[in-house]
Structure formats: C-alpha cells, structure tokens
Amino acid sequence: MKYNYFTIEDDIYPQCLKEISNPPVKLYYIGNLDLLKEERLIAVVGTRNPSSYGKLCCECMVKKMSEANITVVSGFAKGIDSIAHKSSLLTNGKTIAVIASGLDIIYPASNLSLYREMEEKGLILSEYEEGVRPFKGNFPQRNRIIAGLSKGTIVVESKNRGGSLITADLALEFNRDVYAVPGDIFSEYSRGCNNLIRDSKAKSLSNINELLEDYSWEIVEKNDNTKYTKNQILILNSLTSEKNLDNILTETKIEETEILAELMALEIMGVIKSIAGGRYKKIL
C-alpha cells in the first residue's frame, strides 16, 4: 500500500518543525493529522528498560498531561516511549509517535496492538519510505523530529548514555525546554536524568503542575474521586493536616509495602507534597 504524506511546503507542516536546523522535507503518516495543529505538544522519552519507579512516574505524569489537554509526543520504542503512548490512550489523551522505519514495519513487533490503536486514535509519523528497516542510524534522525515537534521534552528515566539524552541535547540545540525527573542516586537508570539536572541542562520535574505553570497552561480538575485508587482516597482523607508516614499508616491501615508507592503517585500527580521532617501535606 502507498502511505499518505505531506511536505514542508504544505499548510499542515508544523512551523516549529520548520525552525530546526535540518527539518524533514517529507513526512509519511497514518492517523489523525489534526493533532499537528495542537498547541500543547510535549515529548516524553526515556529508557527502554524502566524501573518500577520510572514506569509509575511516566504513567502518573501522562495521566495529568491528558487532563491538561497536552499531546504526548514520543518514539514508540520499548519502555518509557511505549508507556507514554499507552498511558495517553488509556486516559483518552492525544499522542503522536515518530518511528524510525517505514510505516509498514512495526518495530518493536511486540507493539502491534499499540500500533493498531495509534492508527485509530493517534498519529504515527515517519520520514522513511515504505520498506525501510529501523537501522541504528535512523533513531537519532527520528529523535530530532520528536524534539522539533515539541515545545518541551521530558526525560523520565535514562542511563548515562542513550537515545533519550540525544533527544534532550537536540531539544536544547533547538532552543526548546528540557525537563528531567529526578531519581534514585544509586540507580543507573536515574543517572542520565540526575546529570542533566546537575549540569543545568534540564529543569527538575517532580510533578506536571510545574510544567503547566511554566507555560501558563490551565488544567481542569475533576471534582470526583474516580481518578484515585481506594488507597489514595484513604491517604487524601487522612491528610487533613500535615502528617508523617507513621500517622498515615495508623489512620489508613494500608500495608507499608503499598503506601510508599501510593504516596509517590499522589506527589507526582501534584496533589500532595513531601516536606521537611518526613511529613506530607495535601495541596489540592
């Protein structure tokens, strides 16, 4: 089959992509081309082998991005990229995938069902003709399109070297914002993000509200509890005032093995905040 395409001369071609040093002349596509007209485009990238912490961060942040009508741009790779696309679709958000092969080649093959869902509900872009395999050199080229399409790039989790850091460097080269999620100082998968923050290449991002404030983007909060788990509701009900972990455990009766993950999720969602002395407070 022959795939549709548009060129740099067409009206649909994003102005922000024209502004990079080497914009693609032609882009093939499947899906909803109107997503390129969205104002709020943010890239979410990271390691192909995320930790449970990275997975949780990505899921929670993308959920909040969907609520704020932010279109998630990523590279369809295993790991953080795929989690970003899936989380966006699960929360009825908008998402764009930029792939490193022809549109007829699904890579990784394990993403077949995600690819089909993206065809129907999202947008898939490639500068490569039908039949082009995902060669190693295609990925940095693909990354420049991800960075070029987006107002900012969030690196969720990354080793010292990797494709997501290439995307971050390209975003900086294109004068775009870069954010990095801080992580465990002992984890190799947090080293790239922590170094970006240390070297002042990226702004530390603990919850999406910080990004929303930077762009003056409003978010419409729901007034019900459907977006929280049962345990998260118990924690929020407990935080009528600042409390430490022991107090929260006593009041909620949640297992200690579960509560730290729930507290982390709520903090990433921007509804609670950890403060000095190991205490938590609600900031709804």
C-alpha atoms as a PDB file:
ATOM      1  CA  MET A   1       0.000   0.000   0.000  1.00  0.00           C
ATOM      2  CA  LYS A   2       1.077   3.580  -0.554  1.00  0.00           C
ATOM      3  CA  TYR A   3       1.032   5.816   2.508  1.00  0.00           C
ATOM      4  CA  ASN A   4      -0.132   9.412   2.557  1.00  0.00           C
ATOM      5  CA  TYR A   5       2.431  12.123   3.132  1.00  0.00           C
ATOM      6  CA  PHE A   6       2.816  15.877   3.411  1.00  0.00           C
ATOM      7  CA  THR A   7       5.771  18.085   2.629  1.00  0.00           C
ATOM      8  CA  ILE A   8       7.433  21.111   4.136  1.00  0.00           C
ATOM      9  CA  GLU A   9       5.509  23.240   1.632  1.00  0.00           C
ATOM     10  CA  ASP A  10       2.093  22.113   2.918  1.00  0.00           C
ATOM     11  CA  ASP A  11      -0.012  24.135   5.365  1.00  0.00           C
ATOM     12  CA  ILE A  12      -0.244  21.233   7.836  1.00  0.00           C
ATOM     13  CA  TYR A  13       3.538  21.138   8.282  1.00  0.00           C
ATOM     14  CA  PRO A  14       4.219  22.469  11.819  1.00  0.00           C
ATOM     15  CA  GLN A  15       6.026  25.796  11.982  1.00  0.00           C
ATOM     16  CA  CYS A  16       8.060  24.649  14.991  1.00  0.00           C
ATOM     17  CA  LEU A  17       9.474  21.767  12.941  1.00  0.00           C
ATOM     18  CA  LYS A  18      10.469  24.118  10.138  1.00  0.00           C
ATOM     19  CA  GLU A  19      12.595  26.039  12.636  1.00  0.00           C
ATOM     20  CA  ILE A  20      15.061  23.214  13.368  1.00  0.00           C
ATOM     21  CA  SER A  21      18.398  23.033  11.561  1.00  0.00           C
ATOM     22  CA  ASN A  22      17.541  20.083   9.302  1.00  0.00           C
ATOM     23  CA  PRO A  23      13.762  19.648   9.044  1.00  0.00           C
ATOM     24  CA  PRO A  24      12.439  16.613   7.155  1.00  0.00           C
ATOM     25  CA  VAL A  25      11.238  17.567   3.689  1.00  0.00           C
ATOM     26  CA  LYS A  26       8.535  14.891   3.609  1.00  0.00           C
ATOM     27  CA  LEU A  27       6.654  13.032   6.355  1.00  0.00           C
ATOM     28  CA  TYR A  28       4.511   9.938   5.835  1.00  0.00           C
ATOM     29  CA  TYR A  29       1.611   9.461   8.216  1.00  0.00           C
ATOM     30  CA  ILE A  30      -1.202   7.256   9.494  1.00  0.00           C
ATOM     31  CA  GLY A  31      -3.927   8.552  11.798  1.00  0.00           C
ATOM     32  CA  ASN A  32      -5.259  11.910  12.880  1.00  0.00           C
ATOM     33  CA  LEU A  33      -3.241  14.630  11.167  1.00  0.00           C
ATOM     34  CA  ASP A  34      -5.164  17.315  13.079  1.00  0.00           C
ATOM     35  CA  LEU A  35      -3.017  16.512  16.122  1.00  0.00           C
ATOM     36  CA  LEU A  36      -0.248  18.530  14.463  1.00  0.00           C
ATOM     37  CA  LYS A  37      -2.422  21.631  14.931  1.00  0.00           C
ATOM     38  CA  GLU A  38      -2.432  21.230  18.728  1.00  0.00           C
ATOM     39  CA  GLU A  39      -0.625  23.952  20.665  1.00  0.00           C
ATOM     40  CA  ARG A  40       0.348  21.835  23.673  1.00  0.00           C
ATOM     41  CA  LEU A  41       2.863  19.304  22.345  1.00  0.00           C
ATOM     42  CA  ILE A  42       5.316  17.848  24.858  1.00  0.00           C
ATOM     43  CA  ALA A  43       7.755  14.973  24.265  1.00  0.00           C
ATOM     44  CA  VAL A  44       8.081  12.190  26.832  1.00  0.00           C
ATOM     45  CA  VAL A  45      11.137   9.957  26.384  1.00  0.00           C
ATOM     46  CA  GLY A  46      13.269   7.596  28.416  1.00  0.00           C
ATOM     47  CA  THR A  47      14.974   4.248  28.787  1.00  0.00           C
ATOM     48  CA  ARG A  48      13.856   1.053  27.069  1.00  0.00           C
ATOM     49  CA  ASN A  49      14.216  -0.785  30.400  1.00  0.00           C
ATOM     50  CA  PRO A  50      12.478   1.351  33.017  1.00  0.00           C
ATOM     51  CA  SER A  51      12.359   0.566  36.710  1.00  0.00           C
ATOM     52  CA  SER A  52       9.029   0.352  38.526  1.00  0.00           C
ATOM     53  CA  TYR A  53       9.721   3.921  39.673  1.00  0.00           C
ATOM     54  CA  GLY A  54      10.180   5.134  36.079  1.00  0.00           C
ATOM     55  CA  LYS A  55       7.060   3.321  34.919  1.00  0.00           C
ATOM     56  CA  LEU A  56       4.998   4.849  37.736  1.00  0.00           C
ATOM     57  CA  CYS A  57       6.368   8.349  37.075  1.00  0.00           C
ATOM     58  CA  CYS A  58       5.559   8.091  33.386  1.00  0.00           C
ATOM     59  CA  GLU A  59       2.029   6.784  33.913  1.00  0.00           C
ATOM     60  CA  CYS A  60       1.136   9.417  36.506  1.00  0.00           C
ATOM     61  CA  MET A  61       2.625  12.324  34.572  1.00  0.00           C
ATOM     62  CA  VAL A  62       0.968  11.345  31.296  1.00  0.00           C
ATOM     63  CA  LYS A  63      -2.376  10.976  33.069  1.00  0.00           C
ATOM     64  CA  LYS A  64      -2.027  14.546  34.340  1.00  0.00           C
ATOM     65  CA  MET A  65      -0.939  15.695  30.865  1.00  0.00           C
ATOM     66  CA  SER A  66      -4.090  14.182  29.360  1.00  0.00           C
ATOM     67  CA  GLU A  67      -6.211  16.121  31.841  1.00  0.00           C
ATOM     68  CA  ALA A  68      -4.403  19.289  30.773  1.00  0.00           C
ATOM     69  CA  ASN A  69      -5.055  18.598  27.063  1.00  0.00           C
ATOM     70  CA  ILE A  70      -1.349  18.087  26.346  1.00  0.00           C
ATOM     71  CA  THR A  71      -0.478  15.966  23.314  1.00  0.00           C
ATOM     72  CA  VAL A  72       2.257  13.456  24.156  1.00  0.00           C
ATOM     73  CA  VAL A  73       4.982  13.016  21.519  1.00  0.00           C
ATOM     74  CA  SER A  74       7.309  10.017  21.731  1.00  0.00           C
ATOM     75  CA  GLY A  75       9.264   7.491  19.701  1.00  0.00           C
ATOM     76  CA  PHE A  76       7.277   4.245  20.004  1.00  0.00           C
ATOM     77  CA  ALA A  77      10.289   2.383  21.425  1.00  0.00           C
ATOM     78  CA  LYS A  78      10.065  -0.240  24.176  1.00  0.00           C
ATOM     79  CA  GLY A  79       9.948   1.089  27.715  1.00  0.00           C
ATOM     80  CA  ILE A  80       9.115   4.692  28.555  1.00  0.00           C
ATOM     81  CA  ASP A  81       8.085   5.629  24.997  1.00  0.00           C
ATOM     82  CA  SER A  82       5.503   2.849  24.797  1.00  0.00           C
ATOM     83  CA  ILE A  83       4.284   3.511  28.335  1.00  0.00           C
ATOM     84  CA  ALA A  84       3.772   7.183  27.421  1.00  0.00           C
ATOM     85  CA  HIS A  85       1.686   6.308  24.345  1.00  0.00           C
ATOM     86  CA  LYS A  86      -0.338   3.646  26.181  1.00  0.00           C
ATOM     87  CA  SER A  87      -0.991   5.862  29.209  1.00  0.00           C
ATOM     88  CA  SER A  88      -2.191   8.668  26.954  1.00  0.00           C
ATOM     89  CA  LEU A  89      -4.602   6.394  25.086  1.00  0.00           C
ATOM     90  CA  LEU A  90      -5.861   4.834  28.345  1.00  0.00           C
ATOM     91  CA  THR A  91      -6.745   8.292  29.680  1.00  0.00           C
ATOM     92  CA  ASN A  92      -8.378   9.444  26.410  1.00  0.00           C
ATOM     93  CA  GLY A  93      -5.436  11.714  25.721  1.00  0.00           C
ATOM     94  CA  LYS A  94      -3.756  12.686  22.463  1.00  0.00           C
ATOM     95  CA  THR A  95      -0.485  11.163  21.323  1.00  0.00           C
ATOM     96  CA  ILE A  96       1.911  11.232  18.361  1.00  0.00           C
ATOM     97  CA  ALA A  97       4.500   8.545  17.589  1.00  0.00           C
ATOM     98  CA  VAL A  98       7.537   9.252  15.420  1.00  0.00           C
ATOM     99  CA  ILE A  99       9.053   5.986  14.202  1.00  0.00           C
ATOM    100  CA  ALA A 100      12.454   5.090  12.739  1.00  0.00           C
ATOM    101  CA  SER A 101      11.264   2.848   9.893  1.00  0.00           C
ATOM    102  CA  GLY A 102       8.751   2.815   7.078  1.00  0.00           C
ATOM    103  CA  LEU A 103       5.133   2.854   8.221  1.00  0.00           C
ATOM    104  CA  ASP A 104       4.659  -0.736   7.047  1.00  0.00           C
ATOM    105  CA  ILE A 105       7.245  -2.049   9.520  1.00  0.00           C
ATOM    106  CA  ILE A 106       6.111  -2.273  13.133  1.00  0.00           C
ATOM    107  CA  TYR A 107       9.083  -2.048  15.476  1.00  0.00           C
ATOM    108  CA  PRO A 108       9.193  -3.410  18.073  1.00  0.00           C
ATOM    109  CA  ALA A 109       6.889  -6.206  16.868  1.00  0.00           C
ATOM    110  CA  SER A 110       5.551  -6.572  20.420  1.00  0.00           C
ATOM    111  CA  ASN A 111       3.836  -3.192  19.926  1.00  0.00           C
ATOM    112  CA  LEU A 112       1.483  -4.466  17.214  1.00  0.00           C
ATOM    113  CA  SER A 113      -1.706  -3.868  19.231  1.00  0.00           C
ATOM    114  CA  LEU A 114      -0.452  -0.426  20.317  1.00  0.00           C
ATOM    115  CA  TYR A 115       0.313   0.409  16.672  1.00  0.00           C
ATOM    116  CA  ARG A 116      -3.230  -0.508  15.643  1.00  0.00           C
ATOM    117  CA  GLU A 117      -4.696   1.621  18.413  1.00  0.00           C
ATOM    118  CA  MET A 118      -2.443   4.540  17.423  1.00  0.00           C
ATOM    119  CA  GLU A 119      -3.693   4.234  13.846  1.00  0.00           C
ATOM    120  CA  GLU A 120      -7.252   4.757  15.072  1.00  0.00           C
ATOM    121  CA  LYS A 121      -6.827   7.220  17.929  1.00  0.00           C
ATOM    122  CA  GLY A 122      -3.445   8.909  17.498  1.00  0.00           C
ATOM    123  CA  LEU A 123      -0.949   9.835  14.798  1.00  0.00           C
ATOM    124  CA  ILE A 124       2.110   7.941  13.508  1.00  0.00           C
ATOM    125  CA  LEU A 125       4.793   9.823  11.556  1.00  0.00           C
ATOM    126  CA  SER A 126       7.898   8.740   9.651  1.00  0.00           C
ATOM    127  CA  GLU A 127      10.255  10.389   7.207  1.00  0.00           C
ATOM    128  CA  TYR A 128      11.135   6.955   5.794  1.00  0.00           C
ATOM    129  CA  GLU A 129       9.539   5.353   2.769  1.00  0.00           C
ATOM    130  CA  GLU A 130       7.679   2.062   2.853  1.00  0.00           C
ATOM    131  CA  GLY A 131      10.032  -0.879   3.342  1.00  0.00           C
ATOM    132  CA  VAL A 132      12.814   0.983   5.179  1.00  0.00           C
ATOM    133  CA  ARG A 133      14.047  -1.057   8.145  1.00  0.00           C
ATOM    134  CA  PRO A 134      14.764   0.548  11.555  1.00  0.00           C
ATOM    135  CA  PHE A 135      18.529   0.827  11.096  1.00  0.00           C
ATOM    136  CA  LYS A 136      20.615   2.086  14.021  1.00  0.00           C
ATOM    137  CA  GLY A 137      21.344   5.427  12.351  1.00  0.00           C
ATOM    138  CA  ASN A 138      17.635   6.133  11.856  1.00  0.00           C
ATOM    139  CA  PHE A 139      16.961   6.618  15.554  1.00  0.00           C
ATOM    140  CA  PRO A 140      18.948   9.853  16.135  1.00  0.00           C
ATOM    141  CA  GLN A 141      17.313  11.210  12.971  1.00  0.00           C
ATOM    142  CA  ARG A 142      13.910  10.247  14.378  1.00  0.00           C
ATOM    143  CA  ASN A 143      14.791  11.951  17.668  1.00  0.00           C
ATOM    144  CA  ARG A 144      15.315  15.338  16.009  1.00  0.00           C
ATOM    145  CA  ILE A 145      11.692  15.207  14.788  1.00  0.00           C
ATOM    146  CA  ILE A 146      10.422  14.360  18.284  1.00  0.00           C
ATOM    147  CA  ALA A 147      12.346  17.316  19.742  1.00  0.00           C
ATOM    148  CA  GLY A 148      11.409  19.606  16.870  1.00  0.00           C
ATOM    149  CA  LEU A 149       7.678  18.966  17.136  1.00  0.00           C
ATOM    150  CA  SER A 150       7.574  19.656  20.869  1.00  0.00           C
ATOM    151  CA  LYS A 151       7.612  22.792  22.982  1.00  0.00           C
ATOM    152  CA  GLY A 152       9.492  20.844  25.630  1.00  0.00           C
ATOM    153  CA  THR A 153      10.944  17.406  26.283  1.00  0.00           C
ATOM    154  CA  ILE A 154      10.571  15.387  29.492  1.00  0.00           C
ATOM    155  CA  VAL A 155      13.199  12.719  30.174  1.00  0.00           C
ATOM    156  CA  VAL A 156      11.608  10.297  32.632  1.00  0.00           C
ATOM    157  CA  GLU A 157      14.436   7.838  33.204  1.00  0.00           C
ATOM    158  CA  SER A 158      17.765   7.331  31.444  1.00  0.00           C
ATOM    159  CA  LYS A 159      21.177   5.785  31.862  1.00  0.00           C
ATOM    160  CA  ASN A 160      24.334   7.836  31.359  1.00  0.00           C
ATOM    161  CA  ARG A 161      24.050   7.325  27.623  1.00  0.00           C
ATOM    162  CA  GLY A 162      21.030   6.659  25.469  1.00  0.00           C
ATOM    163  CA  GLY A 163      18.642   7.865  22.824  1.00  0.00           C
ATOM    164  CA  SER A 164      16.583   9.948  25.240  1.00  0.00           C
ATOM    165  CA  LEU A 165      19.677  12.033  26.075  1.00  0.00           C
ATOM    166  CA  ILE A 166      20.231  12.581  22.348  1.00  0.00           C
ATOM    167  CA  THR A 167      16.656  13.875  22.162  1.00  0.00           C
ATOM    168  CA  ALA A 168      17.327  16.170  25.143  1.00  0.00           C
ATOM    169  CA  ASP A 169      20.501  17.544  23.520  1.00  0.00           C
ATOM    170  CA  LEU A 170      18.633  18.165  20.265  1.00  0.00           C
ATOM    171  CA  ALA A 171      15.845  19.956  22.136  1.00  0.00           C
ATOM    172  CA  LEU A 172      18.445  22.241  23.737  1.00  0.00           C
ATOM    173  CA  GLU A 173      20.026  22.830  20.320  1.00  0.00           C
ATOM    174  CA  PHE A 174      16.598  23.839  19.001  1.00  0.00           C
ATOM    175  CA  ASN A 175      16.129  26.226  21.944  1.00  0.00           C
ATOM    176  CA  ARG A 176      13.351  24.121  23.488  1.00  0.00           C
ATOM    177  CA  ASP A 177      12.775  23.375  27.169  1.00  0.00           C
ATOM    178  CA  VAL A 178      14.090  20.179  28.734  1.00  0.00           C
ATOM    179  CA  TYR A 179      12.783  18.620  31.944  1.00  0.00           C
ATOM    180  CA  ALA A 180      14.189  15.619  33.820  1.00  0.00           C
ATOM    181  CA  VAL A 181      12.529  13.525  36.502  1.00  0.00           C
ATOM    182  CA  PRO A 182      14.978  13.176  39.428  1.00  0.00           C
ATOM    183  CA  GLY A 183      15.611   9.642  40.602  1.00  0.00           C
ATOM    184  CA  ASP A 184      17.460   7.323  42.947  1.00  0.00           C
ATOM    185  CA  ILE A 185      21.141   8.344  43.152  1.00  0.00           C
ATOM    186  CA  PHE A 186      22.115   4.656  43.372  1.00  0.00           C
ATOM    187  CA  SER A 187      20.196   3.617  40.237  1.00  0.00           C
ATOM    188  CA  GLU A 188      21.962   3.530  36.863  1.00  0.00           C
ATOM    189  CA  TYR A 189      18.611   4.293  35.232  1.00  0.00           C
ATOM    190  CA  SER A 190      18.420   7.654  37.020  1.00  0.00           C
ATOM    191  CA  ARG A 191      21.982   8.714  36.257  1.00  0.00           C
ATOM    192  CA  GLY A 192      21.182  10.413  32.959  1.00  0.00           C
ATOM    193  CA  CYS A 193      18.314  12.472  34.416  1.00  0.00           C
ATOM    194  CA  ASN A 194      20.232  13.405  37.554  1.00  0.00           C
ATOM    195  CA  ASN A 195      23.216  14.509  35.457  1.00  0.00           C
ATOM    196  CA  LEU A 196      21.005  16.652  33.206  1.00  0.00           C
ATOM    197  CA  ILE A 197      19.758  18.436  36.323  1.00  0.00           C
ATOM    198  CA  ARG A 198      23.261  18.685  37.833  1.00  0.00           C
ATOM    199  CA  ASP A 199      24.660  20.211  34.629  1.00  0.00           C
ATOM    200  CA  SER A 200      21.765  22.721  34.396  1.00  0.00           C
ATOM    201  CA  LYS A 201      20.696  21.242  31.072  1.00  0.00           C
ATOM    202  CA  ALA A 202      17.259  20.324  32.394  1.00  0.00           C
ATOM    203  CA  LYS A 203      14.811  21.606  34.939  1.00  0.00           C
ATOM    204  CA  SER A 204      13.938  19.149  37.685  1.00  0.00           C
ATOM    205  CA  LEU A 205      10.341  17.962  37.266  1.00  0.00           C
ATOM    206  CA  SER A 206       8.584  16.364  40.227  1.00  0.00           C
ATOM    207  CA  ASN A 207       5.025  16.862  39.028  1.00  0.00           C
ATOM    208  CA  ILE A 208       3.313  18.150  35.910  1.00  0.00           C
ATOM    209  CA  ASN A 209       1.940  21.216  37.692  1.00  0.00           C
ATOM    210  CA  GLU A 210       5.444  22.716  37.462  1.00  0.00           C
ATOM    211  CA  LEU A 211       5.391  22.390  33.670  1.00  0.00           C
ATOM    212  CA  LEU A 212       1.855  23.782  33.491  1.00  0.00           C
ATOM    213  CA  GLU A 213       2.968  26.820  35.461  1.00  0.00           C
ATOM    214  CA  ASP A 214       5.942  27.386  33.153  1.00  0.00           C
ATOM    215  CA  TYR A 215       3.656  27.570  30.104  1.00  0.00           C
ATOM    216  CA  SER A 216       0.702  29.172  31.925  1.00  0.00           C
ATOM    217  CA  TRP A 217      -1.476  26.254  30.870  1.00  0.00           C
ATOM    218  CA  GLU A 218      -4.624  25.696  32.881  1.00  0.00           C
ATOM    219  CA  ILE A 219      -5.892  22.290  33.957  1.00  0.00           C
ATOM    220  CA  VAL A 220      -9.498  21.406  34.632  1.00  0.00           C
ATOM    221  CA  GLU A 221      -9.642  19.313  37.785  1.00  0.00           C
ATOM    222  CA  LYS A 222     -12.400  16.755  38.263  1.00  0.00           C
ATOM    223  CA  ASN A 223     -14.461  17.140  41.427  1.00  0.00           C
ATOM    224  CA  ASP A 224     -14.919  13.403  41.994  1.00  0.00           C
ATOM    225  CA  ASN A 225     -12.707  10.625  43.249  1.00  0.00           C
ATOM    226  CA  THR A 226     -12.784   8.437  40.109  1.00  0.00           C
ATOM    227  CA  LYS A 227      -9.178   9.245  39.199  1.00  0.00           C
ATOM    228  CA  TYR A 228      -7.808   7.952  42.549  1.00  0.00           C
ATOM    229  CA  THR A 229      -7.354   4.410  43.830  1.00  0.00           C
ATOM    230  CA  LYS A 230      -9.085   3.318  47.035  1.00  0.00           C
ATOM    231  CA  ASN A 231      -5.825   3.643  48.980  1.00  0.00           C
ATOM    232  CA  GLN A 232      -5.117   7.091  47.531  1.00  0.00           C
ATOM    233  CA  ILE A 233      -8.547   8.284  48.679  1.00  0.00           C
ATOM    234  CA  LEU A 234      -7.792   6.978  52.197  1.00  0.00           C
ATOM    235  CA  ILE A 235      -4.499   8.898  52.219  1.00  0.00           C
ATOM    236  CA  LEU A 236      -6.102  12.127  50.981  1.00  0.00           C
ATOM    237  CA  ASN A 237      -8.852  11.849  53.587  1.00  0.00           C
ATOM    238  CA  SER A 238      -6.193  11.332  56.249  1.00  0.00           C
ATOM    239  CA  LEU A 239      -4.213  14.445  55.281  1.00  0.00           C
ATOM    240  CA  THR A 240      -6.489  16.993  56.925  1.00  0.00           C
ATOM    241  CA  SER A 241      -3.224  18.355  58.327  1.00  0.00           C
ATOM    242  CA  GLU A 242       0.488  17.665  57.874  1.00  0.00           C
ATOM    243  CA  LYS A 243       1.319  14.110  58.955  1.00  0.00           C
ATOM    244  CA  ASN A 244       4.289  11.769  58.953  1.00  0.00           C
ATOM    245  CA  LEU A 245       4.320   8.277  57.493  1.00  0.00           C
ATOM    246  CA  ASP A 246       3.599   6.536  60.811  1.00  0.00           C
ATOM    247  CA  ASN A 247       0.493   8.681  61.374  1.00  0.00           C
ATOM    248  CA  ILE A 248      -0.786   7.958  57.867  1.00  0.00           C
ATOM    249  CA  LEU A 249      -0.155   4.221  58.277  1.00  0.00           C
ATOM    250  CA  THR A 250      -2.034   4.171  61.585  1.00  0.00           C
ATOM    251  CA  GLU A 251      -5.044   6.061  60.232  1.00  0.00           C
ATOM    252  CA  THR A 252      -5.373   4.377  56.833  1.00  0.00           C
ATOM    253  CA  LYS A 253      -4.401   0.777  57.787  1.00  0.00           C
ATOM    254  CA  ILE A 254      -2.690   0.491  54.382  1.00  0.00           C
ATOM    255  CA  GLU A 255       0.133  -2.058  54.133  1.00  0.00           C
ATOM    256  CA  GLU A 256       3.557  -0.427  54.497  1.00  0.00           C
ATOM    257  CA  THR A 257       4.714  -2.154  51.301  1.00  0.00           C
ATOM    258  CA  GLU A 258       1.961  -0.367  49.349  1.00  0.00           C
ATOM    259  CA  ILE A 259       1.789   3.070  50.915  1.00  0.00           C
ATOM    260  CA  LEU A 260       5.097   4.459  49.650  1.00  0.00           C
ATOM    261  CA  ALA A 261       4.095   3.773  46.033  1.00  0.00           C
ATOM    262  CA  GLU A 262       0.725   5.461  46.609  1.00  0.00           C
ATOM    263  CA  LEU A 263       2.358   8.492  48.245  1.00  0.00           C
ATOM    264  CA  MET A 264       4.801   8.767  45.347  1.00  0.00           C
ATOM    265  CA  ALA A 265       1.951   8.554  42.819  1.00  0.00           C
ATOM    266  CA  LEU A 266      -0.027  11.287  44.598  1.00  0.00           C
ATOM    267  CA  GLU A 267       3.053  13.513  44.735  1.00  0.00           C
ATOM    268  CA  ILE A 268       3.717  13.049  41.015  1.00  0.00           C
ATOM    269  CA  MET A 269       0.067  13.883  40.344  1.00  0.00           C
ATOM    270  CA  GLY A 270       0.633  17.126  42.231  1.00  0.00           C
ATOM    271  CA  VAL A 271      -1.997  16.645  44.936  1.00  0.00           C
ATOM    272  CA  ILE A 272       0.307  16.104  47.922  1.00  0.00           C
ATOM    273  CA  LYS A 273       3.813  17.272  48.787  1.00  0.00           C
ATOM    274  CA  SER A 274       6.543  15.809  50.973  1.00  0.00           C
ATOM    275  CA  ILE A 275       8.060  18.366  53.350  1.00  0.00           C
ATOM    276  CA  ALA A 276      10.832  18.565  55.931  1.00  0.00           C
ATOM    277  CA  GLY A 277      10.754  16.021  58.740  1.00  0.00           C
ATOM    278  CA  GLY A 278       9.353  13.195  56.630  1.00  0.00           C
ATOM    279  CA  ARG A 279       5.868  14.707  56.631  1.00  0.00           C
ATOM    280  CA  TYR A 280       3.252  15.036  53.904  1.00  0.00           C
ATOM    281  CA  LYS A 281       0.667  17.681  53.219  1.00  0.00           C
ATOM    282  CA  LYS A 282      -2.256  17.925  50.816  1.00  0.00           C
ATOM    283  CA  ILE A 283      -2.051  20.722  48.235  1.00  0.00           C
ATOM    284  CA  LEU A 284      -5.344  20.184  46.398  1.00  0.00           C
END
